[in-house]
Each structure stands twice: as structure tokens, then as C-alpha cells.
Amino acid sequence: MKQQVKIKMLNINEMDVSDQPVVFTCYGLGSCIGLFMSDRTKGLSGGVHIPLPHNSAQSDWKDATYLIDELLHAFQAWGSDLNTLRAKVTGGAQVYGSHCSIGAENAEVVLKQLIDRKVYIAATDVGGTISRTARYYSQSGELEISTSEQTKYSI
């Protein structure tokens, strides 16, 4: 019997980890980051929609460090060894004009957090000036990206 693939939309601040076939989806990644991970040894996958590089007292949005910690703890709760994780990262565009570099800063903080935690970064598609929609297919590990300029590609 063929297993049904669930679609899980990740809104800002949301993360999820699953041992079932799933397509994690983040819409409208401008300066936000879509971080997707898999642990093939445990058959786990997960994703998180990260809005900010640093904590902001003026916002209910969570920062990169907090959300990455939350995602990694969820993988560990499922029995994952963090040394077996593979990450794919997209987003971090500069969509608010040249005076605001929150997208670049977001990408920099997320990548540094992953490197510091020794998480293998399998692929990145960050920066630029256009927003993206990301779909991470847990069964294949493919990250499909479509842009606001109607282009589509995979990493």
C-alpha cells in the first residue's frame, strides 16, 4: 500500500519534525530563512521558518538561534544524533531596499549556527533580491524553490 505524503506548511516561527513522508513548505521567504534538515539514519526530516537573525523585544517573532535550538531538540527527542543531520537553507533575500540588510544577516546567522553545531550543510540558496517559496521533499531530500519571478529549480 502506497504511503500518503502529507504537506506541512510552516508559517513564520513554526517548525516540525516527522518520521513520515512529508513536503515541508515555506511561502514568501523574503528576508526569512527556510531551514530544512534530514536524518536518513533515523528516517527523520524537519523544517523551520526563521524570521529574524536576532531577538527583538518589539516583535513576537523568534530569532534564528532560538528556532534552530528548538528544531535540533526536536530531532534529538526523536532519537537523532546531530552528527547525522544534513541541512538545506534558502531565503535571506534583500527585499526591503538597500538600507536594510536583514536577509543577509539572517542567512549569515543561520549558517554560522549550523557550522558551530557541526551540522552538515548540503546546499544553500540564499541572498538576492527576490522572494522564494520552498518545498522540501522528505523522501528524496530535494529542496524545490520557486521565485516571485516565476523561475523554478531544485537544490
Protein backbone atom coordinates (compact mmCIF):
# COMPACT_ATOMS: atom_id res chain seq x y z
CA MET A 1 0.00 0.00 0.00
CA LYS A 2 1.44 3.36 -1.04
CA GLN A 3 2.07 5.81 1.80
CA GLN A 4 0.30 9.18 1.60
CA VAL A 5 2.63 12.20 1.51
CA LYS A 6 1.48 14.94 3.85
CA ILE A 7 2.01 18.62 3.06
CA LYS A 8 3.08 20.65 6.10
CA MET A 9 3.04 24.42 5.71
CA LEU A 10 5.50 26.18 8.01
CA ASN A 11 4.39 29.70 8.87
CA ILE A 12 6.72 32.23 10.49
CA ASN A 13 8.10 30.85 13.81
CA GLU A 14 6.86 27.33 13.04
CA MET A 15 8.91 24.16 12.96
CA ASP A 16 8.10 20.49 12.66
CA VAL A 17 9.91 17.14 12.62
CA SER A 18 8.38 13.97 11.21
CA ASP A 19 9.19 10.33 10.57
CA GLN A 20 6.54 10.18 7.84
CA PRO A 21 6.77 11.24 4.17
CA VAL A 22 6.09 14.97 4.10
CA VAL A 23 6.57 18.05 1.97
CA PHE A 24 7.59 20.94 4.21
CA THR A 25 6.55 24.22 2.59
CA CYS A 26 7.50 27.84 3.34
CA TYR A 27 5.73 30.50 1.30
CA GLY A 28 7.04 34.00 0.71
CA LEU A 29 10.60 33.67 2.02
CA GLY A 30 11.91 37.18 1.54
CA SER A 31 14.36 38.04 4.29
CA CYS A 32 13.15 34.97 6.22
CA ILE A 33 15.05 31.69 6.09
CA GLY A 34 13.65 28.26 5.32
CA LEU A 35 15.88 25.67 7.03
CA PHE A 36 15.26 22.01 6.25
CA MET A 37 17.05 19.00 7.73
CA SER A 38 17.07 15.26 7.37
CA ASP A 39 18.50 12.38 9.33
CA ARG A 40 18.50 9.47 6.90
CA THR A 41 19.74 7.03 9.54
CA LYS A 42 16.53 7.57 11.56
CA GLY A 43 14.22 8.40 8.65
CA LEU A 44 13.50 11.86 10.07
CA SER A 45 13.03 15.20 8.38
CA GLY A 46 12.16 18.65 9.62
CA GLY A 47 11.95 22.29 8.79
CA VAL A 48 11.65 25.72 10.32
CA HIS A 49 10.61 29.18 9.06
CA ILE A 50 13.03 31.69 10.64
CA PRO A 51 12.04 35.38 10.53
CA LEU A 52 14.85 37.17 12.41
CA PRO A 53 18.59 36.82 12.92
CA HIS A 54 18.46 38.22 16.47
CA ASN A 55 15.92 38.61 19.27
CA SER A 56 13.68 41.66 19.02
CA ALA A 57 11.77 42.99 22.03
CA GLN A 58 9.34 44.78 19.68
CA SER A 59 8.22 41.57 17.97
CA ASP A 60 6.60 38.24 18.72
CA TRP A 61 8.84 36.69 16.09
CA LYS A 62 11.52 34.34 17.35
CA ASP A 63 15.17 34.57 16.38
CA ALA A 64 17.39 32.15 14.47
CA THR A 65 19.26 30.77 17.48
CA TYR A 66 16.06 30.02 19.41
CA LEU A 67 14.34 28.33 16.45
CA ILE A 68 17.40 26.29 15.43
CA ASP A 69 17.76 25.11 19.05
CA GLU A 70 14.08 24.14 19.04
CA LEU A 71 14.48 22.20 15.78
CA LEU A 72 17.62 20.39 16.95
CA HIS A 73 15.98 19.48 20.28
CA ALA A 74 13.02 18.04 18.37
CA PHE A 75 15.37 15.87 16.28
CA GLN A 76 17.09 14.69 19.47
CA ALA A 77 13.71 13.89 21.05
CA TRP A 78 13.10 11.54 18.09
CA GLY A 79 16.45 9.85 18.82
CA SER A 80 18.58 11.63 16.26
CA ASP A 81 22.32 12.03 16.62
CA LEU A 82 23.01 15.59 15.46
CA ASN A 83 26.16 14.42 13.66
CA THR A 84 24.00 12.65 11.09
CA LEU A 85 21.92 15.68 10.08
CA ARG A 86 22.06 17.25 6.63
CA ALA A 87 20.73 20.78 6.15
CA LYS A 88 19.47 22.79 3.19
CA VAL A 89 18.94 26.54 3.55
CA THR A 90 17.11 29.08 1.40
CA GLY A 91 15.84 32.65 1.69
CA GLY A 92 17.61 35.64 3.15
CA ALA A 93 16.87 38.00 0.28
CA GLN A 94 17.23 41.76 0.47
CA VAL A 95 13.65 42.64 -0.35
CA TYR A 96 13.33 45.89 1.61
CA GLY A 97 15.79 48.04 -0.36
CA SER A 98 19.44 48.78 0.18
CA HIS A 99 19.02 50.37 3.63
CA CYS A 100 18.03 47.10 5.31
CA SER A 101 20.25 44.01 5.23
CA ILE A 102 18.13 41.76 7.47
CA GLY A 103 18.04 38.98 4.85
CA ALA A 104 21.84 38.76 4.54
CA GLU A 105 22.20 38.95 8.30
CA ASN A 106 19.59 36.21 8.73
CA ALA A 107 21.44 33.91 6.30
CA GLU A 108 24.78 34.63 7.97
CA VAL A 109 23.47 33.86 11.47
CA VAL A 110 21.71 30.65 10.38
CA LEU A 111 24.76 29.32 8.53
CA LYS A 112 27.05 30.19 11.46
CA GLN A 113 24.69 28.41 13.90
CA LEU A 114 24.77 25.28 11.75
CA ILE A 115 28.56 25.36 11.37
CA ASP A 116 29.04 25.93 15.11
CA ARG A 117 26.83 22.90 15.83
CA LYS A 118 28.68 20.82 13.22
CA VAL A 119 25.54 20.24 11.14
CA TYR A 120 26.49 19.33 7.56
CA ILE A 121 25.20 21.95 5.11
CA ALA A 122 24.30 20.04 1.95
CA ALA A 123 23.08 23.04 -0.08
CA THR A 124 22.24 26.73 0.15
CA ASP A 125 20.34 29.20 -1.98
CA VAL A 126 20.43 32.48 -0.08
CA GLY A 127 20.60 36.18 -0.86
CA GLY A 128 19.47 38.04 -3.92
CA THR A 129 16.56 40.45 -4.08
CA ILE A 130 13.56 38.23 -4.81
CA SER A 131 11.32 36.17 -2.56
CA ARG A 132 11.08 32.41 -2.76
CA THR A 133 8.69 29.60 -1.96
CA ALA A 134 10.42 26.46 -0.73
CA ARG A 135 9.18 22.87 -0.80
CA TYR A 136 11.34 20.24 0.90
CA TYR A 137 10.52 16.66 -0.09
CA SER A 138 11.45 14.44 2.86
CA GLN A 139 11.65 11.21 0.88
CA SER A 140 14.21 12.49 -1.66
CA GLY A 141 15.82 15.37 0.25
CA GLU A 142 15.10 17.63 -2.72
CA LEU A 143 14.52 21.31 -1.98
CA GLU A 144 12.40 22.82 -4.75
CA ILE A 145 12.49 26.60 -4.97
CA SER A 146 10.17 28.81 -6.96
CA THR A 147 10.72 32.55 -7.12
CA SER A 148 8.46 35.56 -7.40
CA GLU A 149 9.89 35.92 -10.93
CA GLN A 150 8.32 32.57 -11.91
CA THR A 151 11.54 30.53 -12.06
CA LYS A 152 11.75 27.08 -10.51
CA TYR A 153 14.80 24.99 -9.63
CA SER A 154 15.98 22.41 -7.11
CA ILE A 155 18.96 22.08 -4.81
